[in-house]
Amino acid sequence: MSKSLMKSGIIVSAMTLISRVLGLVRDVVIANLMGAGAAADVFFFANKIPNFLRRLFAEGAFAQAFVPVLTEYRQGKELDAQRLLIARVSGTLGTLVTIVTLVGVIASPIVAALFGMGWFVDWYTDGPQGHKFVLASDLLRITFPYLWFITFTALAGAVLNTLGKFAVAAFTPVFLNIAIIVAALWLGPQLEQPEYALAWGVFFGGLVQFLFQIPFMKRAGLLVRPQWGWSDPGVTKIRKLMIPALFGVSVSQINLLLDTFIASFLMSGSISWLYYSDRLLEFPLGLFGIAIATVILPALSSRHVDKSADEFSRTLDWGIRKVVLLGLPAMAGLIVLAEPMLMVLFMRGEFTPEDARFASYSLFAYGSGLLSFMLVKVLATGFYSRQDTKRPVKYGIIAMVSNMVFNVIFAIPFGYVGLAIATSLSAAVNAGLLGYNLWRDGVLKRYPGTLTYLTKVTLAVVAMIALLLYLGPNREWWLAAAFMERVWQLAMLVGAGAGVFLVTLLLLRVKIR
């Protein structure tokens, strides 16, 4: 079992790595083009809204509800029944998303006012940031259709993942990154406002992602004509699972939107600093956390259908151990190397040393919650694979309320950094509730050697941190060094840290597989 999951995990991680590297290249290009100024704030805002809805309608809640049901159909019904389910799911979901997309495009000023209230108030009162509201309304009209494309892309990806074809869905985001990079480098310099070029890059990136899925679906014999099927038994089951999952799986995204809402009242640049630090957080989260969750969800669903309780628990335990093994050192690296990474990746063009410093503060806060973010992704599969979407919603509500409370506590004294602190703390609350209740269900078990395993991994991380602090130059060196000097120094630190971590694991006889 573990070998098969490891192989699938490596495939997903490899494809995700390509996508994430290109994503970093994309962000480097954006930082060079626009820095962390007003226009960058607005573009990140306009890009965040459809991406939030993407997590709701597509990759998050939908996949968590759809994959277990499709797994049931694959194991108990003929191909024609599977095709009919996919046709009716795509027709029903597609109709709803089309309506939402049209409303979003037509009513973009209302959407901009709801989530960027600070800018709207300034526009209404002739304040200094009123132009951001007008620009946000325009950019949303361009970026909102991305939701339509990515919904069908996610549907195809969920189908292919159920078939064990993980590489296609994991590689698909590459096209979005390429589209934005091309738009920034080719179209951006030709426009007075380059943020419009980036918005069109999002639009066409979504289109290419959608088209890329078609030949793979056809090859699998599952490319079907969408049908309306609201009352279809399979659609009804998915709908009942998905509605609570819409909230439960997207709590972190809702928290980020709340951060954006509050940040619109803060100093200019706050949204951009949060964005750049969040992008570095998303790199290990997607590479490890989401990849592991993607791989074990079909496996857990299959164990549940087969009523293999012990195998179910062992699969979940495997996922958690891998999250700890990969998440702890990644979290430590983000915290210790926060500002050097931002300097190496983004400090050129319009992105200043001060931007790197301010973004490093929020990266430190976000990075502290990386393990919690990763655990939420994996622990949630323990519920969704059993078609239990109601309890994660309850825990999600508690986490979101706690995030609001933490925002009030930390945002007032610490500004945008307080928002990142609140998001990380609420993720810890969510992970704790998920883990505790899986343990109460008898699903999450403490196998022999668990505490020893955690202790050894922690010791390896401590050794890595000690080395990074010993070898790392001070801030003045990073500011004075040439670009390639910074690159080589960061590469040396990352390599040395990873090397010490792995050697310590080997000395402590930790089984990586």
Protein backbone atom coordinates (compact mmCIF):
# COMPACT_ATOMS: atom_id res chain seq x y z
CA MET A 1 0.00 0.00 0.00
CA SER A 2 2.61 2.54 1.11
CA LYS A 3 4.75 1.90 -1.99
CA SER A 4 1.80 2.60 -4.30
CA LEU A 5 0.88 5.75 -2.39
CA MET A 6 4.51 6.86 -2.34
CA LYS A 7 4.76 6.40 -6.11
CA SER A 8 1.56 8.38 -6.69
CA GLY A 9 2.71 11.02 -4.24
CA ILE A 10 6.04 11.38 -6.06
CA ILE A 11 4.25 11.78 -9.40
CA VAL A 12 1.91 14.44 -8.05
CA SER A 13 4.74 16.21 -6.23
CA ALA A 14 6.95 16.18 -9.34
CA MET A 15 4.22 17.70 -11.50
CA THR A 16 3.32 20.13 -8.73
CA LEU A 17 6.99 21.09 -8.39
CA ILE A 18 7.12 22.09 -12.06
CA SER A 19 3.95 24.13 -11.61
CA ARG A 20 5.15 25.77 -8.39
CA VAL A 21 8.54 26.67 -9.85
CA LEU A 22 6.79 28.32 -12.79
CA GLY A 23 4.48 29.97 -10.28
CA LEU A 24 7.50 31.48 -8.55
CA VAL A 25 8.83 32.64 -11.93
CA ARG A 26 5.43 34.22 -12.56
CA ASP A 27 5.54 36.03 -9.22
CA VAL A 28 9.10 37.19 -9.87
CA VAL A 29 7.95 38.67 -13.19
CA ILE A 30 4.96 40.35 -11.52
CA ALA A 31 7.13 41.74 -8.72
CA ASN A 32 9.57 43.15 -11.26
CA LEU A 33 6.73 44.67 -13.27
CA MET A 34 4.61 46.15 -10.47
CA GLY A 35 6.35 45.65 -7.12
CA ALA A 36 4.05 45.99 -4.11
CA GLY A 37 2.28 49.22 -5.06
CA ALA A 38 -1.35 50.18 -5.54
CA ALA A 39 -1.75 48.47 -8.95
CA ALA A 40 -0.27 45.24 -7.58
CA ASP A 41 -2.67 45.36 -4.63
CA VAL A 42 -5.63 45.62 -7.01
CA PHE A 43 -4.49 42.85 -9.37
CA PHE A 44 -3.92 40.44 -6.49
CA PHE A 45 -7.37 41.35 -5.19
CA ALA A 46 -9.02 40.76 -8.59
CA ASN A 47 -7.20 37.44 -8.93
CA LYS A 48 -8.06 36.30 -5.41
CA ILE A 49 -11.87 36.50 -5.75
CA PRO A 50 -12.30 33.96 -8.61
CA ASN A 51 -9.60 31.80 -7.03
CA PHE A 52 -11.56 31.75 -3.78
CA LEU A 53 -14.68 30.65 -5.68
CA ARG A 54 -12.54 28.09 -7.53
CA ARG A 55 -11.73 26.45 -4.21
CA LEU A 56 -15.43 26.38 -3.37
CA PHE A 57 -16.92 25.20 -6.67
CA ALA A 58 -14.01 23.30 -8.10
CA GLU A 59 -10.85 22.00 -6.48
CA GLY A 60 -11.86 21.96 -2.84
CA ALA A 61 -15.41 21.14 -1.86
CA PHE A 62 -16.39 19.60 -5.17
CA ALA A 63 -13.47 17.17 -5.30
CA GLN A 64 -14.01 16.12 -1.68
CA ALA A 65 -17.66 15.29 -2.44
CA PHE A 66 -17.29 13.94 -5.98
CA VAL A 67 -14.32 11.57 -5.65
CA PRO A 68 -15.87 9.26 -2.99
CA VAL A 69 -19.14 8.98 -4.95
CA LEU A 70 -17.39 8.34 -8.28
CA THR A 71 -15.22 5.74 -6.52
CA GLU A 72 -18.42 3.95 -5.46
CA TYR A 73 -19.68 4.01 -9.05
CA ARG A 74 -16.38 2.70 -10.40
CA GLN A 75 -16.34 -0.23 -7.97
CA GLY A 76 -20.03 -1.13 -8.22
CA LYS A 77 -21.47 0.04 -11.55
CA GLU A 78 -20.91 -0.21 -15.29
CA LEU A 79 -19.07 2.35 -17.42
CA ASP A 80 -22.35 3.73 -18.81
CA ALA A 81 -23.52 4.59 -15.30
CA GLN A 82 -20.22 6.35 -14.62
CA ARG A 83 -20.53 8.32 -17.86
CA LEU A 84 -24.09 9.34 -17.00
CA LEU A 85 -23.01 10.51 -13.54
CA ILE A 86 -20.20 12.61 -15.01
CA ALA A 87 -22.57 14.06 -17.65
CA ARG A 88 -25.16 15.08 -15.09
CA VAL A 89 -22.63 16.40 -12.60
CA SER A 90 -20.95 18.52 -15.29
CA GLY A 91 -24.31 19.79 -16.57
CA THR A 92 -25.65 20.70 -13.14
CA LEU A 93 -22.45 22.19 -11.74
CA GLY A 94 -21.73 23.92 -15.05
CA THR A 95 -25.12 25.62 -15.10
CA LEU A 96 -24.69 26.95 -11.57
CA VAL A 97 -21.16 28.17 -12.22
CA THR A 98 -22.22 29.85 -15.47
CA ILE A 99 -24.83 31.84 -13.56
CA VAL A 100 -22.33 32.80 -10.85
CA THR A 101 -19.77 33.82 -13.48
CA LEU A 102 -22.25 36.02 -15.36
CA VAL A 103 -23.37 37.67 -12.13
CA GLY A 104 -19.74 38.24 -11.14
CA VAL A 105 -18.87 39.89 -14.46
CA ILE A 106 -21.99 42.07 -14.59
CA ALA A 107 -21.95 43.02 -10.92
CA SER A 108 -18.18 43.36 -10.53
CA PRO A 109 -18.45 46.78 -8.80
CA ILE A 110 -20.67 45.21 -6.13
CA VAL A 111 -18.20 42.33 -5.66
CA ALA A 112 -15.34 44.82 -5.42
CA ALA A 113 -17.26 46.85 -2.84
CA LEU A 114 -18.08 43.78 -0.74
CA PHE A 115 -14.53 42.47 -0.47
CA GLY A 116 -12.63 45.75 -0.84
CA MET A 117 -14.78 47.86 1.43
CA GLY A 118 -11.91 50.16 2.38
CA TRP A 119 -11.36 51.12 -1.26
CA PHE A 120 -15.10 51.58 -1.84
CA VAL A 121 -15.37 53.91 1.16
CA ASP A 122 -12.44 55.94 -0.19
CA TRP A 123 -14.06 56.09 -3.65
CA TYR A 124 -17.38 57.17 -2.15
CA THR A 125 -15.75 59.86 0.01
CA ASP A 126 -13.14 60.95 -2.58
CA GLY A 127 -10.40 59.42 -0.43
CA PRO A 128 -6.81 58.66 -1.54
CA GLN A 129 -7.44 55.01 -2.47
CA GLY A 130 -10.71 55.47 -4.37
CA HIS A 131 -9.03 54.72 -7.71
CA LYS A 132 -8.33 51.19 -6.47
CA PHE A 133 -12.07 50.48 -6.33
CA VAL A 134 -12.58 51.55 -9.96
CA LEU A 135 -9.60 49.51 -11.15
CA ALA A 136 -10.69 46.46 -9.13
CA SER A 137 -14.13 46.57 -10.76
CA ASP A 138 -12.56 46.62 -14.23
CA LEU A 139 -10.08 43.81 -13.57
CA LEU A 140 -12.74 41.57 -12.01
CA ARG A 141 -14.69 41.65 -15.28
CA ILE A 142 -11.66 40.07 -16.97
CA THR A 143 -10.58 37.61 -14.28
CA PHE A 144 -13.99 36.35 -13.15
CA PRO A 145 -14.57 34.01 -16.16
CA TYR A 146 -11.53 32.05 -14.96
CA LEU A 147 -13.96 30.47 -12.50
CA TRP A 148 -15.93 28.86 -15.36
CA PHE A 149 -12.86 27.40 -17.06
CA ILE A 150 -11.28 26.07 -13.89
CA THR A 151 -14.50 24.43 -12.66
CA PHE A 152 -14.62 22.10 -15.67
CA THR A 153 -10.87 21.66 -15.44
CA ALA A 154 -11.23 20.53 -11.82
CA LEU A 155 -14.08 18.17 -12.74
CA ALA A 156 -11.89 16.47 -15.34
CA GLY A 157 -8.99 16.38 -12.89
CA ALA A 158 -11.13 14.71 -10.22
CA VAL A 159 -12.24 12.05 -12.73
CA LEU A 160 -8.67 11.37 -13.84
CA ASN A 161 -7.43 11.23 -10.23
CA THR A 162 -10.06 8.61 -9.47
CA LEU A 163 -8.64 6.57 -12.35
CA GLY A 164 -5.18 6.90 -10.79
CA LYS A 165 -3.98 9.36 -13.46
CA PHE A 166 -2.65 12.03 -11.12
CA ALA A 167 -0.06 13.62 -13.41
CA VAL A 168 -2.50 15.43 -15.73
CA ALA A 169 -4.31 17.40 -13.05
CA ALA A 170 -1.07 18.14 -11.19
CA PHE A 171 0.59 19.47 -14.37
CA THR A 172 -2.38 21.57 -15.55
CA PRO A 173 -1.60 24.73 -13.48
CA VAL A 174 1.60 25.09 -15.51
CA PHE A 175 -0.46 26.60 -18.33
CA LEU A 176 -1.89 29.34 -16.14
CA ASN A 177 1.59 30.33 -15.01
CA ILE A 178 2.89 30.36 -18.58
CA ALA A 179 -0.04 32.49 -19.74
CA ILE A 180 0.52 35.10 -17.03
CA ILE A 181 4.28 35.16 -17.65
CA VAL A 182 3.77 35.66 -21.40
CA ALA A 183 1.15 38.35 -20.77
CA ALA A 184 3.46 40.17 -18.35
CA LEU A 185 6.54 40.04 -20.59
CA TRP A 186 4.88 40.60 -23.97
CA LEU A 187 1.65 42.53 -23.40
CA GLY A 188 2.54 44.32 -20.16
CA PRO A 189 5.20 46.68 -21.60
CA GLN A 190 2.78 47.70 -24.37
CA LEU A 191 0.09 48.94 -21.97
CA GLU A 192 0.07 52.02 -19.77
CA GLN A 193 -1.50 49.88 -17.03
CA PRO A 194 0.26 46.48 -17.08
CA GLU A 195 -2.17 45.06 -14.54
CA TYR A 196 -4.66 44.65 -17.41
CA ALA A 197 -2.16 42.40 -19.19
CA LEU A 198 -1.93 40.19 -16.10
CA ALA A 199 -5.73 39.97 -15.88
CA TRP A 200 -5.94 38.80 -19.51
CA GLY A 201 -3.19 36.30 -18.72
CA VAL A 202 -5.45 34.81 -16.04
CA PHE A 203 -8.35 34.62 -18.52
CA PHE A 204 -6.43 32.86 -21.29
CA GLY A 205 -4.57 30.67 -18.80
CA GLY A 206 -7.90 29.31 -17.59
CA LEU A 207 -9.00 28.67 -21.17
CA VAL A 208 -5.87 26.67 -22.00
CA GLN A 209 -6.17 24.64 -18.78
CA PHE A 210 -9.72 23.71 -19.76
CA LEU A 211 -8.78 22.68 -23.31
CA PHE A 212 -5.83 20.59 -22.05
CA GLN A 213 -8.17 18.17 -20.23
CA ILE A 214 -10.28 17.24 -23.26
CA PRO A 215 -8.00 14.69 -25.01
CA PHE A 216 -7.28 12.86 -21.74
CA MET A 217 -10.98 12.60 -20.90
CA LYS A 218 -11.68 11.34 -24.42
CA ARG A 219 -8.90 8.75 -24.17
CA ALA A 220 -10.42 7.49 -20.90
CA GLY A 221 -13.82 7.16 -22.60
CA LEU A 222 -15.37 9.66 -20.19
CA LEU A 223 -15.74 12.76 -22.38
CA VAL A 224 -19.51 13.27 -22.27
CA ARG A 225 -22.09 15.89 -23.20
CA PRO A 226 -23.24 17.77 -20.07
CA GLN A 227 -26.82 17.13 -18.93
CA TRP A 228 -28.95 18.83 -16.31
CA GLY A 229 -29.42 16.35 -13.48
CA TRP A 230 -30.34 18.10 -10.25
CA SER A 231 -32.52 15.18 -9.11
CA ASP A 232 -30.21 12.39 -10.28
CA PRO A 233 -29.42 10.11 -7.28
CA GLY A 234 -25.67 10.47 -7.75
CA VAL A 235 -25.87 14.24 -8.18
CA THR A 236 -28.15 14.50 -5.16
CA LYS A 237 -25.66 12.56 -3.06
CA ILE A 238 -22.77 14.74 -4.24
CA ARG A 239 -24.84 17.87 -3.65
CA LYS A 240 -25.63 16.85 -0.08
CA LEU A 241 -21.97 16.13 0.56
CA MET A 242 -20.76 19.24 -1.24
CA ILE A 243 -22.97 21.89 0.36
CA PRO A 244 -21.44 21.56 3.84
CA ALA A 245 -18.03 20.88 2.31
CA LEU A 246 -18.27 24.23 0.52
CA PHE A 247 -17.65 25.80 3.88
CA GLY A 248 -15.57 23.19 5.62
CA VAL A 249 -12.85 22.75 3.01
CA SER A 250 -12.62 26.45 2.21
CA VAL A 251 -12.18 27.89 5.69
CA SER A 252 -8.58 28.87 5.00
CA GLN A 253 -9.70 30.66 1.84
CA ILE A 254 -12.49 32.47 3.67
CA ASN A 255 -9.94 33.51 6.28
CA LEU A 256 -7.68 34.88 3.54
CA LEU A 257 -10.63 36.82 2.10
CA LEU A 258 -11.32 38.28 5.52
CA ASP A 259 -7.66 39.26 5.63
CA THR A 260 -8.07 40.97 2.24
CA PHE A 261 -11.19 42.79 3.44
CA ILE A 262 -9.39 44.15 6.50
CA ALA A 263 -6.18 44.84 4.54
CA SER A 264 -8.12 47.17 2.22
CA PHE A 265 -8.33 49.53 5.22
CA LEU A 266 -4.60 49.28 5.98
CA MET A 267 -1.55 50.98 4.47
CA SER A 268 -0.97 50.65 0.73
CA GLY A 269 1.09 47.56 -0.03
CA SER A 270 -0.47 45.39 2.68
CA ILE A 271 -2.31 43.12 0.23
CA SER A 272 0.82 42.74 -1.90
CA TRP A 273 3.06 41.88 1.06
CA LEU A 274 0.52 39.30 2.21
CA TYR A 275 0.31 37.93 -1.34
CA TYR A 276 4.06 37.47 -1.83
CA SER A 277 4.46 35.81 1.56
CA ASP A 278 1.42 33.61 0.91
CA ARG A 279 2.92 32.52 -2.42
CA LEU A 280 6.02 31.20 -0.67
CA LEU A 281 3.79 29.45 1.86
CA GLU A 282 1.78 27.84 -0.95
CA PHE A 283 4.91 26.32 -2.50
CA PRO A 284 5.53 23.64 0.16
CA LEU A 285 1.81 23.44 0.95
CA GLY A 286 1.00 22.45 -2.62
CA LEU A 287 4.15 20.41 -3.16
CA PHE A 288 3.66 18.29 -0.05
CA GLY A 289 0.37 18.87 1.80
CA ILE A 290 -2.08 19.05 -1.08
CA ALA A 291 -0.17 16.37 -3.02
CA ILE A 292 -0.42 13.91 -0.12
CA ALA A 293 -4.11 14.72 0.43
CA THR A 294 -4.80 14.28 -3.30
CA VAL A 295 -3.18 10.86 -3.31
CA ILE A 296 -4.74 9.44 -0.15
CA LEU A 297 -8.34 10.62 -0.76
CA PRO A 298 -9.09 7.98 -3.45
CA ALA A 299 -7.18 5.37 -1.40
CA LEU A 300 -9.15 6.18 1.75
CA SER A 301 -12.42 6.21 -0.19
CA SER A 302 -11.61 2.76 -1.55
CA ARG A 303 -10.73 1.44 1.94
CA HIS A 304 -14.04 2.80 3.24
CA VAL A 305 -16.04 1.16 0.44
CA ASP A 306 -14.22 -2.13 1.11
CA LYS A 307 -14.85 -1.72 4.86
CA SER A 308 -11.12 -2.15 5.54
CA ALA A 309 -11.01 -0.20 8.81
CA ASP A 310 -7.44 -1.09 9.75
CA GLU A 311 -6.10 -0.28 6.28
CA PHE A 312 -8.05 2.99 6.39
CA SER A 313 -6.35 3.99 9.65
CA ARG A 314 -2.92 2.95 8.43
CA THR A 315 -3.34 4.93 5.20
CA LEU A 316 -4.33 8.02 7.17
CA ASP A 317 -1.40 7.49 9.55
CA TRP A 318 0.93 7.22 6.55
CA GLY A 319 -0.33 10.57 5.27
CA ILE A 320 0.12 12.29 8.63
CA ARG A 321 3.65 10.94 9.09
CA LYS A 322 4.63 12.20 5.65
CA VAL A 323 3.14 15.62 6.41
CA VAL A 324 5.20 15.84 9.60
CA LEU A 325 8.35 14.57 7.85
CA LEU A 326 8.07 17.16 5.07
CA GLY A 327 6.14 19.93 6.79
CA LEU A 328 8.32 20.52 9.85
CA PRO A 329 11.57 21.24 7.96
CA ALA A 330 9.69 23.30 5.36
CA MET A 331 8.10 25.37 8.13
CA ALA A 332 11.48 25.92 9.79
CA GLY A 333 13.03 26.94 6.47
CA LEU A 334 10.30 29.50 5.74
CA ILE A 335 10.75 31.07 9.16
CA VAL A 336 14.56 31.19 9.28
CA LEU A 337 15.09 32.14 5.63
CA ALA A 338 12.03 34.37 5.16
CA GLU A 339 13.72 37.62 4.13
CA PRO A 340 16.61 36.06 2.16
CA MET A 341 14.12 34.09 0.04
CA LEU A 342 12.06 37.19 -0.67
CA MET A 343 15.20 39.15 -1.57
CA VAL A 344 16.46 36.48 -3.95
CA LEU A 345 13.13 35.90 -5.65
CA PHE A 346 11.55 39.32 -5.85
CA MET A 347 13.96 42.16 -5.00
CA ARG A 348 14.39 43.80 -8.39
CA GLY A 349 12.55 46.29 -10.56
CA GLU A 350 9.66 47.82 -8.62
CA PHE A 351 10.09 45.47 -5.64
CA THR A 352 12.26 47.27 -3.07
CA PRO A 353 14.32 46.10 -0.05
CA GLU A 354 11.62 47.60 2.16
CA ASP A 355 9.01 45.47 0.39
CA ALA A 356 11.15 42.40 1.13
CA ARG A 357 11.41 43.38 4.79
CA PHE A 358 7.69 44.01 5.20
CA ALA A 359 6.74 40.82 3.34
CA SER A 360 9.17 38.79 5.49
CA TYR A 361 7.21 39.72 8.62
CA SER A 362 3.99 38.24 7.22
CA LEU A 363 5.90 35.24 5.81
CA PHE A 364 7.26 34.53 9.29
CA ALA A 365 3.69 34.55 10.61
CA TYR A 366 2.25 32.48 7.75
CA GLY A 367 5.19 30.06 7.83
CA SER A 368 4.58 29.32 11.51
CA GLY A 369 1.25 27.81 10.49
CA LEU A 370 2.49 25.69 7.58
CA LEU A 371 2.29 22.38 9.44
CA SER A 372 -1.26 23.20 10.56
CA PHE A 373 -2.31 24.09 7.00
CA MET A 374 -0.87 20.80 5.74
CA LEU A 375 -2.48 18.75 8.50
CA VAL A 376 -5.89 20.28 7.76
CA LYS A 377 -5.62 19.11 4.14
CA VAL A 378 -4.76 15.54 5.12
CA LEU A 379 -6.96 15.16 8.21
CA ALA A 380 -10.01 16.41 6.31
CA THR A 381 -9.73 13.45 3.94
CA GLY A 382 -10.41 11.18 6.91
CA PHE A 383 -13.92 12.64 7.01
CA TYR A 384 -14.63 13.25 3.32
CA SER A 385 -13.57 9.75 2.28
CA ARG A 386 -16.24 8.43 4.67
CA GLN A 387 -18.74 10.87 3.09
CA ASP A 388 -18.93 12.84 6.33
CA THR A 389 -18.91 16.51 5.38
CA LYS A 390 -20.99 17.91 8.23
CA ARG A 391 -18.48 17.72 11.06
CA PRO A 392 -15.64 19.43 9.17
CA VAL A 393 -18.11 22.27 8.64
CA LYS A 394 -18.66 22.61 12.37
CA TYR A 395 -14.94 22.70 12.99
CA GLY A 396 -14.50 25.09 10.09
CA ILE A 397 -17.04 27.48 11.56
CA ILE A 398 -15.23 27.40 14.89
CA ALA A 399 -11.92 28.03 13.12
CA MET A 400 -13.37 30.94 11.12
CA VAL A 401 -14.87 32.55 14.20
CA SER A 402 -11.56 32.11 15.99
CA ASN A 403 -9.85 33.77 13.02
CA MET A 404 -12.15 36.78 13.38
CA VAL A 405 -11.35 36.98 17.07
CA PHE A 406 -7.61 36.64 16.41
CA ASN A 407 -7.89 39.34 13.71
CA VAL A 408 -9.31 41.77 16.25
CA ILE A 409 -6.65 40.84 18.79
CA PHE A 410 -3.63 40.98 16.47
CA ALA A 411 -4.53 43.24 13.51
CA ILE A 412 -4.92 46.36 15.63
CA PRO A 413 -1.40 46.28 17.15
CA PHE A 414 0.40 44.47 14.30
CA GLY A 415 -1.50 45.52 11.14
CA TYR A 416 -1.18 43.18 8.17
CA VAL A 417 1.20 40.89 10.11
CA GLY A 418 -1.56 40.39 12.67
CA LEU A 419 -3.79 39.09 9.87
CA ALA A 420 -1.21 36.43 9.00
CA ILE A 421 -0.83 35.49 12.68
CA ALA A 422 -4.60 35.11 13.00
CA THR A 423 -4.80 32.90 9.90
CA SER A 424 -2.08 30.57 11.19
CA LEU A 425 -3.65 30.29 14.64
CA SER A 426 -7.08 29.51 13.19
CA ALA A 427 -5.50 26.76 11.05
CA ALA A 428 -4.06 25.25 14.24
CA VAL A 429 -7.53 25.32 15.81
CA ASN A 430 -8.99 23.61 12.73
CA ALA A 431 -6.29 20.92 12.62
CA GLY A 432 -6.68 20.25 16.33
CA LEU A 433 -10.44 19.77 16.06
CA LEU A 434 -10.14 17.49 13.02
CA GLY A 435 -7.44 15.35 14.62
CA TYR A 436 -9.16 15.07 17.99
CA ASN A 437 -12.45 13.93 16.48
CA LEU A 438 -10.79 11.44 14.15
CA TRP A 439 -9.15 10.00 17.26
CA ARG A 440 -12.52 9.86 19.04
CA ASP A 441 -13.96 7.99 16.04
CA GLY A 442 -11.23 5.39 16.38
CA VAL A 443 -10.00 6.28 12.89
CA LEU A 444 -6.85 8.11 13.94
CA LYS A 445 -4.81 5.66 15.97
CA ARG A 446 -1.52 5.95 17.80
CA TYR A 447 0.59 3.18 16.38
CA PRO A 448 3.74 1.92 18.16
CA GLY A 449 6.68 4.21 17.58
CA THR A 450 4.64 7.33 16.75
CA LEU A 451 6.04 9.45 19.58
CA THR A 452 9.57 8.25 18.83
CA TYR A 453 9.08 9.12 15.16
CA LEU A 454 7.90 12.66 15.99
CA THR A 455 10.78 13.18 18.42
CA LYS A 456 13.40 12.08 15.89
CA VAL A 457 11.98 14.30 13.12
CA THR A 458 11.89 17.25 15.54
CA LEU A 459 15.54 16.67 16.52
CA ALA A 460 16.51 16.62 12.84
CA VAL A 461 14.69 19.94 12.33
CA VAL A 462 16.45 21.47 15.34
CA ALA A 463 19.81 20.42 13.87
CA MET A 464 18.82 22.03 10.56
CA ILE A 465 17.78 25.30 12.23
CA ALA A 466 21.03 25.46 14.22
CA LEU A 467 23.08 25.08 11.05
CA LEU A 468 21.07 27.73 9.17
CA LEU A 469 21.46 30.24 11.99
CA TYR A 470 25.19 29.52 12.22
CA LEU A 471 25.90 29.80 8.48
CA GLY A 472 23.43 32.53 7.51
CA PRO A 473 24.85 36.03 6.83
CA ASN A 474 23.28 39.13 8.38
CA ARG A 475 20.79 41.43 6.62
CA GLU A 476 23.44 43.94 5.58
CA TRP A 477 25.26 41.24 3.60
CA TRP A 478 22.08 40.24 1.75
CA LEU A 479 21.39 43.88 0.86
CA ALA A 480 24.93 44.57 -0.36
CA ALA A 481 25.49 41.31 -2.24
CA ALA A 482 25.06 40.99 -5.99
CA PHE A 483 22.12 38.98 -7.28
CA MET A 484 24.09 35.82 -8.12
CA GLU A 485 25.89 35.99 -4.76
CA ARG A 486 22.51 35.99 -3.03
CA VAL A 487 21.31 33.10 -5.21
CA TRP A 488 24.34 30.93 -4.44
CA GLN A 489 24.26 31.78 -0.75
CA LEU A 490 20.57 30.85 -0.48
CA ALA A 491 21.11 27.65 -2.49
CA MET A 492 24.01 26.73 -0.21
CA LEU A 493 21.91 27.32 2.90
CA VAL A 494 18.96 25.32 1.57
CA GLY A 495 21.23 22.49 0.45
CA ALA A 496 23.17 22.43 3.71
CA GLY A 497 19.98 22.55 5.78
CA ALA A 498 18.36 19.74 3.78
CA GLY A 499 21.57 17.72 3.98
CA VAL A 500 21.85 18.00 7.75
CA PHE A 501 18.16 17.16 8.11
CA LEU A 502 18.48 14.00 5.99
CA VAL A 503 21.74 12.89 7.60
CA THR A 504 20.24 13.33 11.07
CA LEU A 505 17.22 11.27 10.01
CA LEU A 506 19.53 8.52 8.77
CA LEU A 507 21.60 8.59 11.96
CA LEU A 508 18.40 8.34 14.00
CA ARG A 509 17.21 5.50 11.72
CA VAL A 510 14.00 7.18 10.62
CA LYS A 511 12.24 5.33 7.81
CA ILE A 512 11.53 7.94 5.14
CA ARG A 513 9.21 5.66 3.15
